[in-house]
Amino acid sequence: MATIVIGGHSRNVGKTSVVAGLISALPNHQWSAFKITQYGHGICSQNGAACDCACADHSWAVSEERDRSGESDTSRFLVAGAVRSWWVRTEQGRLAEAMPLVREKVAQASNAIIESNSVMEFLKPNLYLTVLDSATADFKKSAQTYLQYADAVVLHASDRKGNWPDVTAKALEQKPAFLIRPPNYVSDEVVEFVRARLFPRVA
């Protein structure tokens, strides 16, 4: 069983597209896919809607996606070929409370692929890739924290060096980097890197 974590430095940089692309490109590995969302104040983890509740029961939720319309991120995972897809929602900073159930679901999977940075605090995947887009200035604290653990960088081809004052060029230069050109978020090189690292004996 292999576990991949796909992180990224901000929203809307292509993390979901990379997850879906890898599932589609490696269809024989019976993927269970997970998307982890941490909400800020005033958003309920039960359904992602605005909420003023302060109830401990609403601090986290895990639900299985069954819709195959492709309209949500977790639905896109199913459309790409995942055998199961899970949406993990927590209040900001309370992912630890959901992790026992997440670990249970991951352990039941043939192979697992997880969209998250923060999950790196709680488990050690076989492979961690991070998606970077220099056109987006924001660089999440969690992405900075775990950048050092990335096995490779999936980098939008617009700028090989990046444009983030708090992220040193050295931190990026020390890692394999695979350039992508959206709408294609997964290149043949990315797929072969993942295949070689996780499934070297599988044709």
N, C-alpha and C. Protein backbone atom coordinates (compact mmCIF):
# COMPACT_ATOMS: atom_id res chain seq x y z
N MET A 1 0.84 -1.19 0.00
CA MET A 1 0.00 0.00 0.00
C MET A 1 0.87 1.25 0.00
N ALA A 2 0.53 2.22 -0.85
CA ALA A 2 1.28 3.46 -0.94
C ALA A 2 0.37 4.63 -0.59
N THR A 3 0.98 5.66 -0.01
CA THR A 3 0.25 6.89 0.32
C THR A 3 0.98 8.07 -0.29
N ILE A 4 0.26 8.88 -1.04
CA ILE A 4 0.79 10.11 -1.62
C ILE A 4 0.06 11.29 -1.00
N VAL A 5 0.80 12.32 -0.65
CA VAL A 5 0.19 13.59 -0.24
C VAL A 5 0.52 14.64 -1.30
N ILE A 6 -0.50 15.36 -1.75
CA ILE A 6 -0.33 16.45 -2.70
C ILE A 6 -0.65 17.75 -1.97
N GLY A 7 0.36 18.59 -1.80
CA GLY A 7 0.17 19.88 -1.16
C GLY A 7 0.32 20.99 -2.17
N GLY A 8 0.25 22.21 -1.68
CA GLY A 8 0.40 23.36 -2.56
C GLY A 8 0.50 24.62 -1.72
N HIS A 9 1.06 25.69 -2.29
CA HIS A 9 1.36 26.86 -1.48
C HIS A 9 0.17 27.77 -1.25
N SER A 10 -0.93 27.56 -2.00
CA SER A 10 -2.09 28.42 -1.85
C SER A 10 -3.30 27.74 -2.46
N ARG A 11 -4.45 28.40 -2.39
CA ARG A 11 -5.64 27.91 -3.07
C ARG A 11 -5.50 28.11 -4.57
N ASN A 12 -6.22 27.30 -5.31
CA ASN A 12 -6.36 27.47 -6.76
C ASN A 12 -5.02 27.41 -7.52
N VAL A 13 -4.12 26.57 -7.06
CA VAL A 13 -2.87 26.40 -7.80
C VAL A 13 -2.84 25.07 -8.55
N GLY A 14 -3.87 24.25 -8.39
CA GLY A 14 -3.95 23.01 -9.16
C GLY A 14 -3.80 21.73 -8.37
N LYS A 15 -3.90 21.80 -7.04
CA LYS A 15 -3.73 20.58 -6.23
C LYS A 15 -4.74 19.51 -6.61
N THR A 16 -6.01 19.90 -6.71
CA THR A 16 -7.04 18.94 -7.06
C THR A 16 -6.80 18.36 -8.44
N SER A 17 -6.36 19.18 -9.37
CA SER A 17 -6.09 18.71 -10.73
C SER A 17 -4.93 17.73 -10.76
N VAL A 18 -3.93 17.95 -9.92
CA VAL A 18 -2.81 17.00 -9.85
C VAL A 18 -3.28 15.67 -9.27
N VAL A 19 -4.09 15.72 -8.20
CA VAL A 19 -4.61 14.48 -7.62
C VAL A 19 -5.41 13.72 -8.67
N ALA A 20 -6.36 14.39 -9.31
CA ALA A 20 -7.19 13.73 -10.31
C ALA A 20 -6.36 13.21 -11.48
N GLY A 21 -5.35 13.99 -11.88
CA GLY A 21 -4.50 13.57 -12.99
C GLY A 21 -3.71 12.32 -12.68
N LEU A 22 -3.20 12.22 -11.46
CA LEU A 22 -2.44 11.02 -11.08
C LEU A 22 -3.34 9.80 -10.97
N ILE A 23 -4.54 9.99 -10.43
CA ILE A 23 -5.48 8.87 -10.35
C ILE A 23 -5.78 8.35 -11.75
N SER A 24 -6.04 9.27 -12.68
CA SER A 24 -6.36 8.89 -14.04
C SER A 24 -5.19 8.24 -14.76
N ALA A 25 -3.97 8.73 -14.49
CA ALA A 25 -2.78 8.22 -15.18
C ALA A 25 -2.30 6.89 -14.63
N LEU A 26 -2.70 6.57 -13.40
CA LEU A 26 -2.28 5.31 -12.76
C LEU A 26 -3.54 4.55 -12.33
N PRO A 27 -4.33 4.09 -13.30
CA PRO A 27 -5.67 3.59 -13.00
C PRO A 27 -5.72 2.21 -12.36
N ASN A 28 -4.63 1.50 -12.33
CA ASN A 28 -4.66 0.11 -11.85
C ASN A 28 -4.37 -0.03 -10.36
N HIS A 29 -4.33 1.09 -9.64
CA HIS A 29 -3.88 1.03 -8.25
C HIS A 29 -4.97 1.27 -7.22
N GLN A 30 -6.22 1.24 -7.64
CA GLN A 30 -7.34 1.24 -6.70
C GLN A 30 -7.24 2.36 -5.65
N TRP A 31 -7.19 3.59 -6.14
CA TRP A 31 -6.97 4.74 -5.27
C TRP A 31 -8.19 5.06 -4.41
N SER A 32 -7.94 5.33 -3.15
CA SER A 32 -8.89 6.04 -2.30
C SER A 32 -8.35 7.46 -2.16
N ALA A 33 -9.18 8.44 -2.46
CA ALA A 33 -8.74 9.83 -2.48
C ALA A 33 -9.36 10.60 -1.32
N PHE A 34 -8.58 11.54 -0.78
CA PHE A 34 -9.02 12.33 0.36
C PHE A 34 -8.74 13.81 0.08
N LYS A 35 -9.70 14.65 0.39
CA LYS A 35 -9.48 16.10 0.36
C LYS A 35 -9.70 16.62 1.77
N ILE A 36 -8.72 17.33 2.29
CA ILE A 36 -8.81 17.87 3.66
C ILE A 36 -8.98 19.38 3.57
N THR A 37 -10.06 19.87 4.17
CA THR A 37 -10.38 21.30 4.18
C THR A 37 -10.45 21.76 5.62
N GLN A 38 -9.72 22.83 5.94
CA GLN A 38 -9.80 23.42 7.27
C GLN A 38 -10.47 24.78 7.15
N TYR A 39 -11.56 24.96 7.87
CA TYR A 39 -12.34 26.18 7.79
C TYR A 39 -11.94 27.17 8.87
N GLY A 40 -12.11 28.45 8.56
CA GLY A 40 -11.90 29.50 9.53
C GLY A 40 -13.13 29.69 10.39
N HIS A 41 -13.08 30.70 11.23
CA HIS A 41 -14.17 30.98 12.16
C HIS A 41 -15.47 31.26 11.42
N GLY A 42 -16.57 30.71 11.94
CA GLY A 42 -17.89 31.00 11.40
C GLY A 42 -18.35 30.06 10.31
N ILE A 43 -17.53 29.05 9.97
CA ILE A 43 -17.92 28.06 8.96
C ILE A 43 -18.04 26.71 9.65
N CYS A 44 -19.13 26.02 9.41
CA CYS A 44 -19.40 24.75 10.08
C CYS A 44 -18.75 23.60 9.32
N SER A 45 -18.02 22.75 10.03
CA SER A 45 -17.36 21.62 9.39
C SER A 45 -18.34 20.55 8.93
N GLN A 46 -19.57 20.58 9.45
CA GLN A 46 -20.54 19.57 9.05
C GLN A 46 -20.89 19.67 7.57
N ASN A 47 -21.01 20.91 7.07
CA ASN A 47 -21.43 21.04 5.68
C ASN A 47 -20.74 22.18 4.93
N GLY A 48 -19.83 22.88 5.58
CA GLY A 48 -19.10 23.96 4.92
C GLY A 48 -19.89 25.24 4.78
N ALA A 49 -21.03 25.33 5.45
CA ALA A 49 -21.87 26.52 5.36
C ALA A 49 -21.57 27.47 6.51
N ALA A 50 -21.97 28.73 6.35
CA ALA A 50 -21.81 29.70 7.42
C ALA A 50 -22.59 29.24 8.65
N CYS A 51 -21.96 29.38 9.82
CA CYS A 51 -22.58 28.85 11.03
C CYS A 51 -22.00 29.58 12.23
N ASP A 52 -22.84 29.89 13.22
CA ASP A 52 -22.39 30.54 14.44
C ASP A 52 -22.26 29.55 15.59
N CYS A 53 -22.31 28.26 15.27
CA CYS A 53 -22.29 27.27 16.34
C CYS A 53 -20.92 27.23 17.02
N ALA A 54 -20.93 26.88 18.28
CA ALA A 54 -19.69 26.68 19.01
C ALA A 54 -19.69 25.27 19.59
N CYS A 55 -20.45 24.41 18.95
CA CYS A 55 -20.64 23.04 19.45
C CYS A 55 -19.45 22.18 19.08
N ALA A 56 -18.96 21.40 20.04
CA ALA A 56 -17.82 20.53 19.76
C ALA A 56 -18.15 19.50 18.69
N ASP A 57 -19.43 19.16 18.56
CA ASP A 57 -19.83 18.18 17.55
C ASP A 57 -19.58 18.69 16.13
N HIS A 58 -19.41 20.00 15.99
CA HIS A 58 -19.23 20.57 14.67
C HIS A 58 -17.77 20.90 14.36
N SER A 59 -16.84 20.39 15.14
CA SER A 59 -15.43 20.74 14.93
C SER A 59 -14.80 19.99 13.77
N TRP A 60 -15.39 18.85 13.39
CA TRP A 60 -14.87 18.12 12.25
C TRP A 60 -15.91 17.15 11.71
N ALA A 61 -15.73 16.76 10.46
CA ALA A 61 -16.63 15.80 9.83
C ALA A 61 -15.88 15.11 8.70
N VAL A 62 -16.24 13.86 8.45
CA VAL A 62 -15.68 13.09 7.33
C VAL A 62 -16.85 12.47 6.59
N SER A 63 -16.94 12.73 5.31
CA SER A 63 -18.04 12.15 4.53
C SER A 63 -17.52 11.54 3.24
N GLU A 64 -18.19 10.48 2.81
CA GLU A 64 -17.80 9.83 1.56
C GLU A 64 -18.57 10.44 0.40
N GLU A 65 -17.86 10.75 -0.65
CA GLU A 65 -18.46 11.30 -1.86
C GLU A 65 -19.05 10.16 -2.70
N ARG A 66 -20.27 10.36 -3.16
CA ARG A 66 -20.90 9.36 -4.02
C ARG A 66 -21.36 9.95 -5.35
N ASP A 67 -21.37 11.27 -5.42
CA ASP A 67 -21.79 11.94 -6.65
C ASP A 67 -20.68 11.85 -7.70
N ARG A 68 -21.04 11.51 -8.92
CA ARG A 68 -20.07 11.37 -10.00
C ARG A 68 -20.28 12.41 -11.10
N SER A 69 -20.84 13.54 -10.72
CA SER A 69 -21.07 14.60 -11.71
C SER A 69 -19.79 15.35 -12.06
N GLY A 70 -18.79 15.28 -11.18
CA GLY A 70 -17.56 16.03 -11.39
C GLY A 70 -17.65 17.48 -10.96
N GLU A 71 -18.74 17.84 -10.28
CA GLU A 71 -18.93 19.25 -9.91
C GLU A 71 -18.15 19.66 -8.68
N SER A 72 -17.86 18.74 -7.77
CA SER A 72 -17.05 19.05 -6.59
C SER A 72 -15.67 18.42 -6.76
N ASP A 73 -14.73 18.86 -5.93
CA ASP A 73 -13.38 18.30 -6.01
C ASP A 73 -13.39 16.80 -5.74
N THR A 74 -14.10 16.38 -4.70
CA THR A 74 -14.12 14.96 -4.36
C THR A 74 -14.86 14.15 -5.42
N SER A 75 -15.84 14.76 -6.08
CA SER A 75 -16.50 14.09 -7.20
C SER A 75 -15.54 13.94 -8.38
N ARG A 76 -14.71 14.91 -8.60
CA ARG A 76 -13.71 14.81 -9.67
C ARG A 76 -12.77 13.63 -9.44
N PHE A 77 -12.47 13.33 -8.19
CA PHE A 77 -11.61 12.18 -7.91
C PHE A 77 -12.28 10.88 -8.36
N LEU A 78 -13.59 10.76 -8.13
CA LEU A 78 -14.32 9.58 -8.57
C LEU A 78 -14.35 9.50 -10.10
N VAL A 79 -14.60 10.63 -10.74
CA VAL A 79 -14.64 10.66 -12.20
C VAL A 79 -13.28 10.25 -12.78
N ALA A 80 -12.21 10.63 -12.09
CA ALA A 80 -10.86 10.28 -12.56
C ALA A 80 -10.56 8.80 -12.39
N GLY A 81 -11.32 8.11 -11.55
CA GLY A 81 -11.11 6.67 -11.39
C GLY A 81 -10.88 6.19 -9.98
N ALA A 82 -10.97 7.08 -8.99
CA ALA A 82 -10.81 6.63 -7.60
C ALA A 82 -11.94 5.66 -7.24
N VAL A 83 -11.60 4.65 -6.45
CA VAL A 83 -12.62 3.70 -6.03
C VAL A 83 -13.46 4.26 -4.89
N ARG A 84 -12.85 5.15 -4.09
CA ARG A 84 -13.58 5.83 -3.03
C ARG A 84 -13.00 7.23 -2.89
N SER A 85 -13.84 8.15 -2.42
CA SER A 85 -13.40 9.54 -2.26
C SER A 85 -14.02 10.09 -0.99
N TRP A 86 -13.17 10.75 -0.19
CA TRP A 86 -13.58 11.24 1.12
C TRP A 86 -13.29 12.72 1.25
N TRP A 87 -14.22 13.44 1.88
CA TRP A 87 -14.01 14.86 2.18
C TRP A 87 -13.90 15.01 3.69
N VAL A 88 -12.74 15.49 4.14
CA VAL A 88 -12.46 15.70 5.56
C VAL A 88 -12.52 17.19 5.83
N ARG A 89 -13.39 17.61 6.75
CA ARG A 89 -13.58 19.02 7.05
C ARG A 89 -13.35 19.24 8.54
N THR A 90 -12.53 20.23 8.87
CA THR A 90 -12.29 20.53 10.28
C THR A 90 -12.23 22.03 10.48
N GLU A 91 -12.43 22.44 11.72
CA GLU A 91 -12.11 23.81 12.08
C GLU A 91 -10.60 24.00 11.97
N GLN A 92 -10.19 25.22 11.69
CA GLN A 92 -8.77 25.52 11.57
C GLN A 92 -8.04 25.08 12.84
N GLY A 93 -6.99 24.31 12.66
CA GLY A 93 -6.17 23.88 13.78
C GLY A 93 -6.68 22.67 14.54
N ARG A 94 -7.77 22.03 14.05
CA ARG A 94 -8.34 20.90 14.77
C ARG A 94 -8.33 19.62 13.94
N LEU A 95 -7.42 19.56 13.00
CA LEU A 95 -7.31 18.36 12.17
C LEU A 95 -6.97 17.13 13.01
N ALA A 96 -6.23 17.31 14.09
CA ALA A 96 -5.84 16.17 14.93
C ALA A 96 -7.05 15.36 15.39
N GLU A 97 -8.19 16.05 15.61
CA GLU A 97 -9.38 15.35 16.09
C GLU A 97 -9.95 14.40 15.05
N ALA A 98 -9.77 14.73 13.79
CA ALA A 98 -10.29 13.88 12.71
C ALA A 98 -9.32 12.78 12.30
N MET A 99 -8.05 12.89 12.70
CA MET A 99 -7.04 11.99 12.19
C MET A 99 -7.24 10.51 12.54
N PRO A 100 -7.75 10.15 13.72
CA PRO A 100 -7.97 8.71 13.95
C PRO A 100 -8.87 8.07 12.88
N LEU A 101 -9.94 8.77 12.50
CA LEU A 101 -10.82 8.22 11.47
C LEU A 101 -10.14 8.27 10.10
N VAL A 102 -9.40 9.35 9.82
CA VAL A 102 -8.68 9.44 8.55
C VAL A 102 -7.67 8.31 8.44
N ARG A 103 -6.92 8.05 9.49
CA ARG A 103 -5.95 6.96 9.46
C ARG A 103 -6.64 5.61 9.23
N GLU A 104 -7.80 5.44 9.83
CA GLU A 104 -8.54 4.20 9.65
C GLU A 104 -8.94 4.02 8.18
N LYS A 105 -9.44 5.10 7.56
CA LYS A 105 -9.83 5.03 6.16
C LYS A 105 -8.62 4.79 5.25
N VAL A 106 -7.51 5.45 5.57
CA VAL A 106 -6.29 5.26 4.78
C VAL A 106 -5.80 3.82 4.90
N ALA A 107 -5.84 3.26 6.09
CA ALA A 107 -5.37 1.89 6.31
C ALA A 107 -6.22 0.88 5.55
N GLN A 108 -7.47 1.20 5.30
CA GLN A 108 -8.37 0.30 4.58
C GLN A 108 -8.18 0.38 3.07
N ALA A 109 -7.44 1.38 2.60
CA ALA A 109 -7.29 1.61 1.17
C ALA A 109 -6.21 0.72 0.56
N SER A 110 -6.38 0.39 -0.71
CA SER A 110 -5.30 -0.28 -1.44
C SER A 110 -4.14 0.69 -1.61
N ASN A 111 -4.46 1.90 -2.06
CA ASN A 111 -3.51 3.01 -2.15
C ASN A 111 -4.28 4.28 -1.86
N ALA A 112 -3.63 5.26 -1.23
CA ALA A 112 -4.30 6.48 -0.83
C ALA A 112 -3.59 7.70 -1.39
N ILE A 113 -4.37 8.68 -1.81
CA ILE A 113 -3.83 9.95 -2.28
C ILE A 113 -4.60 11.05 -1.57
N ILE A 114 -3.88 11.98 -0.93
CA ILE A 114 -4.48 12.96 -0.02
C ILE A 114 -4.11 14.36 -0.46
N GLU A 115 -5.10 15.21 -0.64
CA GLU A 115 -4.86 16.61 -0.95
C GLU A 115 -4.83 17.42 0.34
N SER A 116 -3.64 17.85 0.74
CA SER A 116 -3.48 18.58 2.01
C SER A 116 -2.02 18.92 2.20
N ASN A 117 -1.75 20.00 2.94
CA ASN A 117 -0.42 20.23 3.49
C ASN A 117 -0.37 19.78 4.95
N SER A 118 -1.39 20.16 5.70
CA SER A 118 -1.38 20.00 7.15
C SER A 118 -1.36 18.55 7.60
N VAL A 119 -1.83 17.65 6.75
CA VAL A 119 -1.83 16.23 7.14
C VAL A 119 -0.41 15.72 7.37
N MET A 120 0.58 16.44 6.82
CA MET A 120 1.97 16.03 6.99
C MET A 120 2.40 16.06 8.46
N GLU A 121 1.68 16.81 9.28
CA GLU A 121 1.99 16.85 10.71
C GLU A 121 1.65 15.52 11.39
N PHE A 122 0.75 14.75 10.77
CA PHE A 122 0.19 13.59 11.45
C PHE A 122 0.51 12.25 10.80
N LEU A 123 0.99 12.26 9.58
CA LEU A 123 1.38 10.99 8.95
C LEU A 123 2.55 11.21 8.02
N LYS A 124 3.26 10.15 7.76
CA LYS A 124 4.42 10.20 6.86
C LYS A 124 4.09 9.41 5.61
N PRO A 125 3.81 10.10 4.51
CA PRO A 125 3.45 9.40 3.28
C PRO A 125 4.68 8.79 2.61
N ASN A 126 4.44 7.93 1.65
CA ASN A 126 5.53 7.41 0.85
C ASN A 126 6.08 8.46 -0.11
N LEU A 127 5.23 9.43 -0.45
CA LEU A 127 5.62 10.46 -1.40
C LEU A 127 4.83 11.73 -1.11
N TYR A 128 5.54 12.86 -1.11
CA TYR A 128 4.89 14.15 -0.91
C TYR A 128 5.30 15.08 -2.04
N LEU A 129 4.31 15.53 -2.81
CA LEU A 129 4.55 16.48 -3.89
C LEU A 129 3.87 17.80 -3.53
N THR A 130 4.50 18.91 -3.88
CA THR A 130 3.88 20.20 -3.63
C THR A 130 3.76 20.97 -4.94
N VAL A 131 2.62 21.62 -5.12
CA VAL A 131 2.31 22.36 -6.34
C VAL A 131 2.55 23.84 -6.10
N LEU A 132 3.33 24.47 -6.97
CA LEU A 132 3.69 25.89 -6.81
C LEU A 132 3.37 26.65 -8.09
N ASP A 133 2.84 27.85 -7.91
CA ASP A 133 2.52 28.73 -9.04
C ASP A 133 2.97 30.14 -8.69
N SER A 134 4.01 30.61 -9.35
CA SER A 134 4.58 31.91 -9.00
C SER A 134 3.63 33.07 -9.30
N ALA A 135 2.58 32.81 -10.07
CA ALA A 135 1.60 33.87 -10.34
C ALA A 135 0.73 34.15 -9.12
N THR A 136 0.77 33.27 -8.13
CA THR A 136 0.02 33.44 -6.89
C THR A 136 0.99 33.80 -5.78
N ALA A 137 0.86 35.00 -5.23
CA ALA A 137 1.83 35.50 -4.26
C ALA A 137 1.70 34.84 -2.89
N ASP A 138 0.48 34.47 -2.51
CA ASP A 138 0.26 33.89 -1.19
C ASP A 138 1.03 32.58 -1.04
N PHE A 139 1.65 32.39 0.12
CA PHE A 139 2.34 31.13 0.40
C PHE A 139 1.96 30.72 1.82
N LYS A 140 1.07 29.73 1.93
CA LYS A 140 0.55 29.32 3.23
C LYS A 140 1.67 28.93 4.18
N LYS A 141 1.46 29.22 5.45
CA LYS A 141 2.42 28.84 6.48
C LYS A 141 2.63 27.33 6.48
N SER A 142 1.56 26.57 6.33
CA SER A 142 1.70 25.11 6.33
C SER A 142 2.54 24.64 5.15
N ALA A 143 2.39 25.30 4.01
CA ALA A 143 3.19 24.93 2.84
C ALA A 143 4.66 25.25 3.06
N GLN A 144 4.94 26.39 3.71
CA GLN A 144 6.33 26.72 4.03
C GLN A 144 6.93 25.70 5.00
N THR A 145 6.12 25.32 5.99
CA THR A 145 6.61 24.40 7.01
C THR A 145 7.02 23.07 6.41
N TYR A 146 6.22 22.55 5.47
CA TYR A 146 6.46 21.20 4.97
C TYR A 146 7.17 21.16 3.63
N LEU A 147 7.53 22.32 3.09
CA LEU A 147 8.26 22.34 1.82
C LEU A 147 9.54 21.52 1.89
N GLN A 148 10.21 21.57 3.05
CA GLN A 148 11.46 20.84 3.19
C GLN A 148 11.29 19.33 3.04
N TYR A 149 10.07 18.83 3.27
CA TYR A 149 9.83 17.40 3.19
C TYR A 149 9.34 16.94 1.82
N ALA A 150 9.13 17.88 0.91
CA ALA A 150 8.63 17.53 -0.41
C ALA A 150 9.66 16.69 -1.16
N ASP A 151 9.19 15.61 -1.77
CA ASP A 151 10.07 14.77 -2.59
C ASP A 151 10.29 15.40 -3.96
N ALA A 152 9.35 16.22 -4.40
CA ALA A 152 9.47 16.91 -5.68
C ALA A 152 8.49 18.07 -5.71
N VAL A 153 8.73 18.98 -6.65
CA VAL A 153 7.90 20.16 -6.83
C VAL A 153 7.25 20.08 -8.20
N VAL A 154 5.94 20.32 -8.23
CA VAL A 154 5.21 20.45 -9.49
C VAL A 154 5.00 21.95 -9.70
N LEU A 155 5.69 22.49 -10.70
CA LEU A 155 5.81 23.94 -10.82
C LEU A 155 5.20 24.44 -12.12
N HIS A 156 4.30 25.40 -12.00
CA HIS A 156 3.76 26.03 -13.20
C HIS A 156 4.91 26.61 -14.01
N ALA A 157 4.87 26.41 -15.30
CA ALA A 157 6.02 26.72 -16.16
C ALA A 157 6.24 28.21 -16.37
N SER A 158 5.38 29.06 -15.83
CA SER A 158 5.52 30.50 -16.06
C SER A 158 6.79 31.07 -15.46
N ASP A 159 7.30 30.45 -14.39
CA ASP A 159 8.49 31.01 -13.73
C ASP A 159 9.17 29.93 -12.92
N ARG A 160 10.31 29.46 -13.39
CA ARG A 160 11.03 28.37 -12.73
C ARG A 160 11.52 28.76 -11.34
N LYS A 161 11.80 30.05 -11.10
CA LYS A 161 12.42 30.45 -9.84
C LYS A 161 11.42 30.75 -8.72
N GLY A 162 10.22 31.07 -9.08
CA GLY A 162 9.26 31.44 -8.05
C GLY A 162 9.40 32.90 -7.67
N ASN A 163 8.47 33.38 -6.85
CA ASN A 163 8.43 34.80 -6.53
C ASN A 163 7.91 35.00 -5.11
N TRP A 164 8.54 34.34 -4.14
CA TRP A 164 8.09 34.39 -2.76
C TRP A 164 9.26 34.77 -1.86
N PRO A 165 9.21 35.93 -1.24
CA PRO A 165 10.34 36.42 -0.45
C PRO A 165 10.68 35.54 0.74
N ASP A 166 9.71 34.81 1.28
CA ASP A 166 9.98 33.97 2.45
C ASP A 166 10.41 32.56 2.09
N VAL A 167 10.48 32.26 0.80
CA VAL A 167 10.87 30.93 0.35
C VAL A 167 12.15 31.07 -0.46
N THR A 168 13.21 30.51 0.03
CA THR A 168 14.50 30.68 -0.63
C THR A 168 14.58 29.86 -1.91
N ALA A 169 15.29 30.39 -2.88
CA ALA A 169 15.50 29.66 -4.13
C ALA A 169 16.22 28.34 -3.86
N LYS A 170 17.08 28.34 -2.85
CA LYS A 170 17.83 27.12 -2.53
C LYS A 170 16.90 25.99 -2.13
N ALA A 171 15.84 26.32 -1.41
CA ALA A 171 14.90 25.29 -0.98
C ALA A 171 14.25 24.60 -2.17
N LEU A 172 14.06 25.35 -3.26
CA LEU A 172 13.46 24.77 -4.46
C LEU A 172 14.48 24.07 -5.33
N GLU A 173 15.67 24.65 -5.43
CA GLU A 173 16.70 24.09 -6.31
C GLU A 173 17.17 22.72 -5.86
N GLN A 174 17.01 22.41 -4.59
CA GLN A 174 17.48 21.12 -4.08
C GLN A 174 16.52 19.98 -4.37
N LYS A 175 15.39 20.28 -5.01
CA LYS A 175 14.38 19.26 -5.23
C LYS A 175 14.12 19.05 -6.72
N PRO A 176 13.76 17.82 -7.10
CA PRO A 176 13.32 17.62 -8.49
C PRO A 176 12.12 18.51 -8.77
N ALA A 177 12.09 19.15 -9.92
CA ALA A 177 10.99 20.03 -10.29
C ALA A 177 10.44 19.60 -11.64
N PHE A 178 9.14 19.48 -11.71
CA PHE A 178 8.46 19.09 -12.94
C PHE A 178 7.58 20.24 -13.39
N LEU A 179 7.88 20.77 -14.58
CA LEU A 179 7.12 21.90 -15.09
C LEU A 179 5.81 21.43 -15.70
N ILE A 180 4.74 22.16 -15.39
CA ILE A 180 3.44 21.84 -15.96
C ILE A 180 2.89 23.07 -16.67
N ARG A 181 2.03 22.82 -17.63
CA ARG A 181 1.40 23.90 -18.39
C ARG A 181 -0.09 23.66 -18.42
N PRO A 182 -0.81 24.25 -17.47
CA PRO A 182 -2.26 24.07 -17.43
C PRO A 182 -2.89 24.39 -18.79
N PRO A 183 -3.94 23.66 -19.17
CA PRO A 183 -4.76 22.80 -18.31
C PRO A 183 -4.22 21.40 -18.04
N ASN A 184 -3.03 21.08 -18.53
CA ASN A 184 -2.44 19.78 -18.23
C ASN A 184 -1.60 19.91 -16.95
N TYR A 185 -2.13 19.40 -15.84
CA TYR A 185 -1.48 19.55 -14.55
C TYR A 185 -0.58 18.36 -14.20
N VAL A 186 -0.61 17.31 -15.00
CA VAL A 186 0.21 16.14 -14.74
C VAL A 186 0.91 15.76 -16.04
N SER A 187 2.22 15.92 -16.05
CA SER A 187 3.00 15.57 -17.23
C SER A 187 3.42 14.11 -17.18
N ASP A 188 3.90 13.60 -18.30
CA ASP A 188 4.42 12.23 -18.34
C ASP A 188 5.56 12.06 -17.34
N GLU A 189 6.36 13.12 -17.18
CA GLU A 189 7.49 13.05 -16.25
C GLU A 189 7.03 12.90 -14.81
N VAL A 190 5.97 13.62 -14.44
CA VAL A 190 5.42 13.49 -13.09
C VAL A 190 4.92 12.07 -12.87
N VAL A 191 4.19 11.55 -13.83
CA VAL A 191 3.63 10.20 -13.70
C VAL A 191 4.76 9.17 -13.55
N GLU A 192 5.78 9.29 -14.36
CA GLU A 192 6.88 8.33 -14.30
C GLU A 192 7.64 8.44 -12.98
N PHE A 193 7.78 9.66 -12.46
CA PHE A 193 8.43 9.84 -11.16
C PHE A 193 7.65 9.12 -10.07
N VAL A 194 6.34 9.31 -10.06
CA VAL A 194 5.49 8.65 -9.06
C VAL A 194 5.53 7.14 -9.24
N ARG A 195 5.42 6.68 -10.47
CA ARG A 195 5.43 5.25 -10.74
C ARG A 195 6.75 4.61 -10.27
N ALA A 196 7.86 5.27 -10.60
CA ALA A 196 9.17 4.71 -10.24
C ALA A 196 9.38 4.68 -8.73
N ARG A 197 8.86 5.70 -8.04
CA ARG A 197 9.05 5.75 -6.59
C ARG A 197 8.14 4.80 -5.83
N LEU A 198 6.92 4.60 -6.33
CA LEU A 198 5.94 3.83 -5.58
C LEU A 198 5.67 2.45 -6.13
N PHE A 199 5.75 2.29 -7.44
CA PHE A 199 5.39 1.01 -8.06
C PHE A 199 6.47 0.56 -9.03
N PRO A 200 7.72 0.43 -8.59
CA PRO A 200 8.82 0.16 -9.53
C PRO A 200 8.74 -1.17 -10.22
N ARG A 201 8.00 -2.13 -9.67
CA ARG A 201 7.92 -3.45 -10.26
C ARG A 201 6.64 -3.68 -11.03
N VAL A 202 5.84 -2.64 -11.16
CA VAL A 202 4.57 -2.75 -11.85
C VAL A 202 4.70 -2.16 -13.24
N ALA A 203 4.35 -2.94 -14.23
CA ALA A 203 4.50 -2.47 -15.61
C ALA A 203 3.42 -1.44 -15.94
